Amino acid sequence: MCEALRELFADELEEREVVGIQKGIEQGIVESILELLNEIGDIPTHLKETIFNQSNSAILKSWLKIAARANSIEGFTNEIQKSPQ
């Protein structure tokens, strides 16, 4: 019976797995951005919220690159405001 249920819900389970993996990737990118920014200064709460609330992987990847090059929190903030969202 378990196998029959697994087959019945296979598509839904696969979709949930894909979504879970994507969310994990996004969370990893967010954590990497915050880690890089912590190296250059204190991150204001509003900026942390902006980063945590972003769910577009392409934008997060772009922000990660900006964070890697940033010399200041203000510089990072200015650059992400210029980038497409």
PDB file of N, CA and C in Angstrom:
ATOM      1  N   MET A   1       0.817  -1.198   0.000  1.00  0.00           N
ATOM      2  CA  MET A   1       0.000   0.000   0.000  1.00  0.00           C
ATOM      3  C   MET A   1       0.863   1.266   0.000  1.00  0.00           C
ATOM      4  N   CYS A   2       1.968   1.236   0.745  1.00  0.00           N
ATOM      5  CA  CYS A   2       2.856   2.389   0.793  1.00  0.00           C
ATOM      6  C   CYS A   2       3.377   2.743  -0.597  1.00  0.00           C
ATOM      7  N   GLU A   3       3.739   1.747  -1.363  1.00  0.00           N
ATOM      8  CA  GLU A   3       4.254   1.984  -2.708  1.00  0.00           C
ATOM      9  C   GLU A   3       3.175   2.596  -3.594  1.00  0.00           C
ATOM     10  N   ALA A   4       1.951   2.154  -3.450  1.00  0.00           N
ATOM     11  CA  ALA A   4       0.841   2.708  -4.230  1.00  0.00           C
ATOM     12  C   ALA A   4       0.630   4.181  -3.891  1.00  0.00           C
ATOM     13  N   LEU A   5       0.690   4.517  -2.626  1.00  0.00           N
ATOM     14  CA  LEU A   5       0.548   5.919  -2.215  1.00  0.00           C
ATOM     15  C   LEU A   5       1.706   6.753  -2.730  1.00  0.00           C
ATOM     16  N   ARG A   6       2.892   6.201  -2.668  1.00  0.00           N
ATOM     17  CA  ARG A   6       4.073   6.913  -3.153  1.00  0.00           C
ATOM     18  C   ARG A   6       3.923   7.212  -4.640  1.00  0.00           C
ATOM     19  N   GLU A   7       3.439   6.242  -5.406  1.00  0.00           N
ATOM     20  CA  GLU A   7       3.231   6.453  -6.839  1.00  0.00           C
ATOM     21  C   GLU A   7       2.131   7.475  -7.088  1.00  0.00           C
ATOM     22  N   LEU A   8       1.084   7.425  -6.283  1.00  0.00           N
ATOM     23  CA  LEU A   8      -0.036   8.343  -6.437  1.00  0.00           C
ATOM     24  C   LEU A   8       0.393   9.791  -6.205  1.00  0.00           C
ATOM     25  N   PHE A   9       1.256   9.993  -5.234  1.00  0.00           N
ATOM     26  CA  PHE A   9       1.684  11.348  -4.873  1.00  0.00           C
ATOM     27  C   PHE A   9       3.085  11.684  -5.379  1.00  0.00           C
ATOM     28  N   ALA A  10       3.607  10.909  -6.295  1.00  0.00           N
ATOM     29  CA  ALA A  10       4.979  11.093  -6.772  1.00  0.00           C
ATOM     30  C   ALA A  10       5.227  12.496  -7.312  1.00  0.00           C
ATOM     31  N   ASP A  11       4.341  13.010  -8.131  1.00  0.00           N
ATOM     32  CA  ASP A  11       4.544  14.342  -8.713  1.00  0.00           C
ATOM     33  C   ASP A  11       4.559  15.411  -7.631  1.00  0.00           C
ATOM     34  N   GLU A  12       3.618  15.316  -6.718  1.00  0.00           N
ATOM     35  CA  GLU A  12       3.551  16.309  -5.639  1.00  0.00           C
ATOM     36  C   GLU A  12       4.794  16.241  -4.747  1.00  0.00           C
ATOM     37  N   LEU A  13       5.231  15.041  -4.436  1.00  0.00           N
ATOM     38  CA  LEU A  13       6.419  14.885  -3.606  1.00  0.00           C
ATOM     39  C   LEU A  13       7.661  15.410  -4.308  1.00  0.00           C
ATOM     40  N   GLU A  14       7.762  15.143  -5.604  1.00  0.00           N
ATOM     41  CA  GLU A  14       8.901  15.630  -6.374  1.00  0.00           C
ATOM     42  C   GLU A  14       8.902  17.161  -6.408  1.00  0.00           C
ATOM     43  N   GLU A  15       7.730  17.754  -6.606  1.00  0.00           N
ATOM     44  CA  GLU A  15       7.624  19.214  -6.633  1.00  0.00           C
ATOM     45  C   GLU A  15       8.035  19.803  -5.288  1.00  0.00           C
ATOM     46  N   ARG A  16       7.589  19.195  -4.206  1.00  0.00           N
ATOM     47  CA  ARG A  16       7.960  19.683  -2.871  1.00  0.00           C
ATOM     48  C   ARG A  16       9.466  19.558  -2.641  1.00  0.00           C
ATOM     49  N   GLU A  17      10.045  18.486  -3.140  1.00  0.00           N
ATOM     50  CA  GLU A  17      11.481  18.299  -2.993  1.00  0.00           C
ATOM     51  C   GLU A  17      12.238  19.388  -3.742  1.00  0.00           C
ATOM     52  N   VAL A  18      11.804  19.692  -4.960  1.00  0.00           N
ATOM     53  CA  VAL A  18      12.440  20.734  -5.761  1.00  0.00           C
ATOM     54  C   VAL A  18      12.318  22.080  -5.053  1.00  0.00           C
ATOM     55  N   VAL A  19      11.141  22.383  -4.544  1.00  0.00           N
ATOM     56  CA  VAL A  19      10.921  23.645  -3.828  1.00  0.00           C
ATOM     57  C   VAL A  19      11.813  23.699  -2.584  1.00  0.00           C
ATOM     58  N   GLY A  20      11.902  22.610  -1.867  1.00  0.00           N
ATOM     59  CA  GLY A  20      12.744  22.556  -0.676  1.00  0.00           C
ATOM     60  C   GLY A  20      14.209  22.778  -0.989  1.00  0.00           C
ATOM     61  N   ILE A  21      14.668  22.177  -2.054  1.00  0.00           N
ATOM     62  CA  ILE A  21      16.061  22.356  -2.475  1.00  0.00           C
ATOM     63  C   ILE A  21      16.309  23.809  -2.853  1.00  0.00           C
ATOM     64  N   GLN A  22      15.382  24.390  -3.612  1.00  0.00           N
ATOM     65  CA  GLN A  22      15.526  25.791  -4.028  1.00  0.00           C
ATOM     66  C   GLN A  22      15.565  26.718  -2.818  1.00  0.00           C
ATOM     67  N   LYS A  23      14.693  26.492  -1.859  1.00  0.00           N
ATOM     68  CA  LYS A  23      14.679  27.315  -0.646  1.00  0.00           C
ATOM     69  C   LYS A  23      15.986  27.159   0.127  1.00  0.00           C
ATOM     70  N   GLY A  24      16.533  25.954   0.163  1.00  0.00           N
ATOM     71  CA  GLY A  24      17.811  25.727   0.823  1.00  0.00           C
ATOM     72  C   GLY A  24      18.945  26.480   0.146  1.00  0.00           C
ATOM     73  N   ILE A  25      18.930  26.495  -1.173  1.00  0.00           N
ATOM     74  CA  ILE A  25      19.939  27.233  -1.933  1.00  0.00           C
ATOM     75  C   ILE A  25      19.820  28.721  -1.634  1.00  0.00           C
ATOM     76  N   GLU A  26      18.594  29.234  -1.667  1.00  0.00           N
ATOM     77  CA  GLU A  26      18.368  30.653  -1.379  1.00  0.00           C
ATOM     78  C   GLU A  26      18.849  31.005   0.022  1.00  0.00           C
ATOM     79  N   GLN A  27      18.548  30.160   0.990  1.00  0.00           N
ATOM     80  CA  GLN A  27      18.967  30.407   2.367  1.00  0.00           C
ATOM     81  C   GLN A  27      20.495  30.422   2.471  1.00  0.00           C
ATOM     82  N   GLY A  28      21.148  29.532   1.766  1.00  0.00           N
ATOM     83  CA  GLY A  28      22.609  29.501   1.759  1.00  0.00           C
ATOM     84  C   GLY A  28      23.205  30.772   1.181  1.00  0.00           C
ATOM     85  N   ILE A  29      22.607  31.277   0.114  1.00  0.00           N
ATOM     86  CA  ILE A  29      23.090  32.515  -0.499  1.00  0.00           C
ATOM     87  C   ILE A  29      22.889  33.677   0.466  1.00  0.00           C
ATOM     88  N   VAL A  30      21.713  33.738   1.097  1.00  0.00           N
ATOM     89  CA  VAL A  30      21.424  34.798   2.075  1.00  0.00           C
ATOM     90  C   VAL A  30      22.467  34.773   3.189  1.00  0.00           C
ATOM     91  N   GLU A  31      22.742  33.598   3.725  1.00  0.00           N
ATOM     92  CA  GLU A  31      23.724  33.479   4.801  1.00  0.00           C
ATOM     93  C   GLU A  31      25.113  33.911   4.334  1.00  0.00           C
ATOM     94  N   SER A  32      25.457  33.603   3.106  1.00  0.00           N
ATOM     95  CA  SER A  32      26.759  34.007   2.569  1.00  0.00           C
ATOM     96  C   SER A  32      26.844  35.522   2.422  1.00  0.00           C
ATOM     97  N   ILE A  33      25.775  36.136   1.941  1.00  0.00           N
ATOM     98  CA  ILE A  33      25.742  37.599   1.819  1.00  0.00           C
ATOM     99  C   ILE A  33      25.938  38.233   3.186  1.00  0.00           C
ATOM    100  N   LEU A  34      25.191  37.753   4.173  1.00  0.00           N
ATOM    101  CA  LEU A  34      25.276  38.332   5.513  1.00  0.00           C
ATOM    102  C   LEU A  34      26.661  38.119   6.121  1.00  0.00           C
ATOM    103  N   GLU A  35      27.256  36.966   5.877  1.00  0.00           N
ATOM    104  CA  GLU A  35      28.597  36.696   6.393  1.00  0.00           C
ATOM    105  C   GLU A  35      29.613  37.658   5.792  1.00  0.00           C
ATOM    106  N   LEU A  36      29.536  37.882   4.493  1.00  0.00           N
ATOM    107  CA  LEU A  36      30.447  38.830   3.843  1.00  0.00           C
ATOM    108  C   LEU A  36      30.245  40.241   4.374  1.00  0.00           C
ATOM    109  N   LEU A  37      28.992  40.650   4.520  1.00  0.00           N
ATOM    110  CA  LEU A  37      28.711  41.996   5.001  1.00  0.00           C
ATOM    111  C   LEU A  37      29.145  42.185   6.449  1.00  0.00           C
ATOM    112  N   ASN A  38      29.016  41.158   7.265  1.00  0.00           N
ATOM    113  CA  ASN A  38      29.463  41.247   8.662  1.00  0.00           C
ATOM    114  C   ASN A  38      30.957  41.516   8.754  1.00  0.00           C
ATOM    115  N   GLU A  39      31.701  41.110   7.734  1.00  0.00           N
ATOM    116  CA  GLU A  39      33.142  41.347   7.715  1.00  0.00           C
ATOM    117  C   GLU A  39      33.476  42.829   7.549  1.00  0.00           C
ATOM    118  N   ILE A  40      32.541  43.594   6.974  1.00  0.00           N
ATOM    119  CA  ILE A  40      32.851  45.009   6.704  1.00  0.00           C
ATOM    120  C   ILE A  40      32.072  45.981   7.583  1.00  0.00           C
ATOM    121  N   GLY A  41      31.160  45.478   8.402  1.00  0.00           N
ATOM    122  CA  GLY A  41      30.445  46.395   9.289  1.00  0.00           C
ATOM    123  C   GLY A  41      29.185  45.792   9.857  1.00  0.00           C
ATOM    124  N   ASP A  42      28.522  46.599  10.686  1.00  0.00           N
ATOM    125  CA  ASP A  42      27.248  46.187  11.270  1.00  0.00           C
ATOM    126  C   ASP A  42      26.146  46.349  10.226  1.00  0.00           C
ATOM    127  N   ILE A  43      25.338  45.323  10.106  1.00  0.00           N
ATOM    128  CA  ILE A  43      24.271  45.338   9.102  1.00  0.00           C
ATOM    129  C   ILE A  43      23.001  45.872   9.754  1.00  0.00           C
ATOM    130  N   PRO A  44      22.464  46.975   9.226  1.00  0.00           N
ATOM    131  CA  PRO A  44      21.218  47.511   9.791  1.00  0.00           C
ATOM    132  C   PRO A  44      20.070  46.504   9.641  1.00  0.00           C
ATOM    133  N   THR A  45      19.158  46.544  10.583  1.00  0.00           N
ATOM    134  CA  THR A  45      18.024  45.626  10.591  1.00  0.00           C
ATOM    135  C   THR A  45      17.238  45.682   9.291  1.00  0.00           C
ATOM    136  N   HIS A  46      16.993  46.875   8.788  1.00  0.00           N
ATOM    137  CA  HIS A  46      16.203  47.005   7.554  1.00  0.00           C
ATOM    138  C   HIS A  46      16.902  46.336   6.369  1.00  0.00           C
ATOM    139  N   LEU A  47      18.228  46.375   6.341  1.00  0.00           N
ATOM    140  CA  LEU A  47      18.961  45.725   5.251  1.00  0.00           C
ATOM    141  C   LEU A  47      18.895  44.201   5.400  1.00  0.00           C
ATOM    142  N   LYS A  48      19.022  43.716   6.630  1.00  0.00           N
ATOM    143  CA  LYS A  48      18.880  42.272   6.863  1.00  0.00           C
ATOM    144  C   LYS A  48      17.505  41.801   6.392  1.00  0.00           C
ATOM    145  N   GLU A  49      16.474  42.572   6.722  1.00  0.00           N
ATOM    146  CA  GLU A  49      15.114  42.203   6.313  1.00  0.00           C
ATOM    147  C   GLU A  49      14.985  42.184   4.803  1.00  0.00           C
ATOM    148  N   THR A  50      15.576  43.164   4.144  1.00  0.00           N
ATOM    149  CA  THR A  50      15.539  43.213   2.678  1.00  0.00           C
ATOM    150  C   THR A  50      16.182  41.961   2.089  1.00  0.00           C
ATOM    151  N   ILE A  51      17.321  41.587   2.637  1.00  0.00           N
ATOM    152  CA  ILE A  51      18.038  40.409   2.137  1.00  0.00           C
ATOM    153  C   ILE A  51      17.241  39.144   2.424  1.00  0.00           C
ATOM    154  N   PHE A  52      16.729  38.998   3.659  1.00  0.00           N
ATOM    155  CA  PHE A  52      15.951  37.806   4.025  1.00  0.00           C
ATOM    156  C   PHE A  52      14.664  37.682   3.208  1.00  0.00           C
ATOM    157  N   ASN A  53      14.071  38.811   2.840  1.00  0.00           N
ATOM    158  CA  ASN A  53      12.790  38.780   2.129  1.00  0.00           C
ATOM    159  C   ASN A  53      12.931  38.561   0.630  1.00  0.00           C
ATOM    160  N   GLN A  54      14.154  38.618   0.121  1.00  0.00           N
ATOM    161  CA  GLN A  54      14.363  38.405  -1.315  1.00  0.00           C
ATOM    162  C   GLN A  54      14.328  36.897  -1.602  1.00  0.00           C
ATOM    163  N   SER A  55      13.475  36.500  -2.524  1.00  0.00           N
ATOM    164  CA  SER A  55      13.357  35.074  -2.833  1.00  0.00           C
ATOM    165  C   SER A  55      13.737  34.749  -4.280  1.00  0.00           C
ATOM    166  N   ASN A  56      14.169  35.738  -5.018  1.00  0.00           N
ATOM    167  CA  ASN A  56      14.598  35.513  -6.390  1.00  0.00           C
ATOM    168  C   ASN A  56      16.074  35.112  -6.389  1.00  0.00           C
ATOM    169  N   SER A  57      16.360  33.885  -6.777  1.00  0.00           N
ATOM    170  CA  SER A  57      17.731  33.364  -6.741  1.00  0.00           C
ATOM    171  C   SER A  57      18.689  34.182  -7.593  1.00  0.00           C
ATOM    172  N   ALA A  58      18.236  34.640  -8.737  1.00  0.00           N
ATOM    173  CA  ALA A  58      19.110  35.427  -9.614  1.00  0.00           C
ATOM    174  C   ALA A  58      19.510  36.737  -8.943  1.00  0.00           C
ATOM    175  N   ILE A  59      18.570  37.375  -8.282  1.00  0.00           N
ATOM    176  CA  ILE A  59      18.873  38.621  -7.576  1.00  0.00           C
ATOM    177  C   ILE A  59      19.808  38.340  -6.406  1.00  0.00           C
ATOM    178  N   LEU A  60      19.533  37.275  -5.658  1.00  0.00           N
ATOM    179  CA  LEU A  60      20.409  36.932  -4.534  1.00  0.00           C
ATOM    180  C   LEU A  60      21.830  36.650  -5.005  1.00  0.00           C
ATOM    181  N   LYS A  61      21.980  35.958  -6.123  1.00  0.00           N
ATOM    182  CA  LYS A  61      23.316  35.683  -6.660  1.00  0.00           C
ATOM    183  C   LYS A  61      24.017  36.982  -7.041  1.00  0.00           C
ATOM    184  N   SER A  62      23.259  37.899  -7.618  1.00  0.00           N
ATOM    185  CA  SER A  62      23.809  39.206  -7.968  1.00  0.00           C
ATOM    186  C   SER A  62      24.258  39.947  -6.709  1.00  0.00           C
ATOM    187  N   TRP A  63      23.428  39.911  -5.682  1.00  0.00           N
ATOM    188  CA  TRP A  63      23.767  40.576  -4.418  1.00  0.00           C
ATOM    189  C   TRP A  63      24.983  39.929  -3.764  1.00  0.00           C
ATOM    190  N   LEU A  64      25.142  38.629  -3.915  1.00  0.00           N
ATOM    191  CA  LEU A  64      26.303  37.943  -3.352  1.00  0.00           C
ATOM    192  C   LEU A  64      27.577  38.470  -3.997  1.00  0.00           C
ATOM    193  N   LYS A  65      27.557  38.643  -5.301  1.00  0.00           N
ATOM    194  CA  LYS A  65      28.719  39.190  -6.003  1.00  0.00           C
ATOM    195  C   LYS A  65      29.007  40.616  -5.564  1.00  0.00           C
ATOM    196  N   ILE A  66      27.937  41.403  -5.375  1.00  0.00           N
ATOM    197  CA  ILE A  66      28.104  42.781  -4.909  1.00  0.00           C
ATOM    198  C   ILE A  66      28.694  42.784  -3.504  1.00  0.00           C
ATOM    199  N   ALA A  67      28.193  41.898  -2.644  1.00  0.00           N
ATOM    200  CA  ALA A  67      28.702  41.815  -1.271  1.00  0.00           C
ATOM    201  C   ALA A  67      30.180  41.435  -1.258  1.00  0.00           C
ATOM    202  N   ALA A  68      30.580  40.567  -2.171  1.00  0.00           N
ATOM    203  CA  ALA A  68      31.975  40.128  -2.233  1.00  0.00           C
ATOM    204  C   ALA A  68      32.909  41.269  -2.616  1.00  0.00           C
ATOM    205  N   ARG A  69      32.398  42.233  -3.375  1.00  0.00           N
ATOM    206  CA  ARG A  69      33.213  43.368  -3.825  1.00  0.00           C
ATOM    207  C   ARG A  69      33.064  44.599  -2.940  1.00  0.00           C
ATOM    208  N   ALA A  70      32.063  44.605  -2.072  1.00  0.00           N
ATOM    209  CA  ALA A  70      31.737  45.804  -1.297  1.00  0.00           C
ATOM    210  C   ALA A  70      32.828  46.145  -0.282  1.00  0.00           C
ATOM    211  N   ASN A  71      33.069  47.444  -0.146  1.00  0.00           N
ATOM    212  CA  ASN A  71      34.016  47.941   0.849  1.00  0.00           C
ATOM    213  C   ASN A  71      33.309  48.494   2.075  1.00  0.00           C
ATOM    214  N   SER A  72      31.991  48.675   1.952  1.00  0.00           N
ATOM    215  CA  SER A  72      31.214  49.209   3.066  1.00  0.00           C
ATOM    216  C   SER A  72      29.759  48.750   2.935  1.00  0.00           C
ATOM    217  N   ILE A  73      29.051  48.808   4.038  1.00  0.00           N
ATOM    218  CA  ILE A  73      27.625  48.478   4.027  1.00  0.00           C
ATOM    219  C   ILE A  73      26.885  49.469   3.141  1.00  0.00           C
ATOM    220  N   GLU A  74      27.265  50.726   3.241  1.00  0.00           N
ATOM    221  CA  GLU A  74      26.618  51.760   2.426  1.00  0.00           C
ATOM    222  C   GLU A  74      26.849  51.513   0.941  1.00  0.00           C
ATOM    223  N   GLY A  75      28.069  51.104   0.594  1.00  0.00           N
ATOM    224  CA  GLY A  75      28.371  50.792  -0.804  1.00  0.00           C
ATOM    225  C   GLY A  75      27.532  49.632  -1.307  1.00  0.00           C
ATOM    226  N   PHE A  76      27.388  48.602  -0.481  1.00  0.00           N
ATOM    227  CA  PHE A  76      26.545  47.459  -0.846  1.00  0.00           C
ATOM    228  C   PHE A  76      25.110  47.920  -1.059  1.00  0.00           C
ATOM    229  N   THR A  77      24.594  48.690  -0.107  1.00  0.00           N
ATOM    230  CA  THR A  77      23.209  49.164  -0.181  1.00  0.00           C
ATOM    231  C   THR A  77      22.982  49.975  -1.447  1.00  0.00           C
ATOM    232  N   ASN A  78      23.916  50.867  -1.760  1.00  0.00           N
ATOM    233  CA  ASN A  78      23.787  51.681  -2.969  1.00  0.00           C
ATOM    234  C   ASN A  78      23.777  50.820  -4.228  1.00  0.00           C
ATOM    235  N   GLU A  79      24.628  49.808  -4.269  1.00  0.00           N
ATOM    236  CA  GLU A  79      24.713  48.944  -5.442  1.00  0.00           C
ATOM    237  C   GLU A  79      23.463  48.089  -5.630  1.00  0.00           C
ATOM    238  N   ILE A  80      22.906  47.547  -4.549  1.00  0.00           N
ATOM    239  CA  ILE A  80      21.727  46.701  -4.725  1.00  0.00           C
ATOM    240  C   ILE A  80      20.507  47.544  -5.104  1.00  0.00           C
ATOM    241  N   GLN A  81      20.514  48.817  -4.701  1.00  0.00           N
ATOM    242  CA  GLN A  81      19.408  49.686  -5.098  1.00  0.00           C
ATOM    243  C   GLN A  81      19.451  49.985  -6.591  1.00  0.00           C
ATOM    244  N   LYS A  82      20.628  49.949  -7.163  1.00  0.00           N
ATOM    245  CA  LYS A  82      20.793  50.180  -8.604  1.00  0.00           C
ATOM    246  C   LYS A  82      20.444  48.932  -9.423  1.00  0.00           C
ATOM    247  N   SER A  83      20.618  47.769  -8.812  1.00  0.00           N
ATOM    248  CA  SER A  83      20.405  46.523  -9.557  1.00  0.00           C
ATOM    249  C   SER A  83      18.920  46.249  -9.768  1.00  0.00           C
ATOM    250  N   PRO A  84      18.587  45.585 -10.887  1.00  0.00           N
ATOM    251  CA  PRO A  84      17.181  45.279 -11.166  1.00  0.00           C
ATOM    252  C   PRO A  84      16.590  44.335 -10.108  1.00  0.00           C
ATOM    253  N   GLN A  85      15.365  44.608  -9.743  1.00  0.00           N
ATOM    254  CA  GLN A  85      14.693  43.782  -8.750  1.00  0.00           C
ATOM    255  C   GLN A  85      13.362  43.399  -9.292  1.00  0.00           C
TER     256      GLN A  85
END
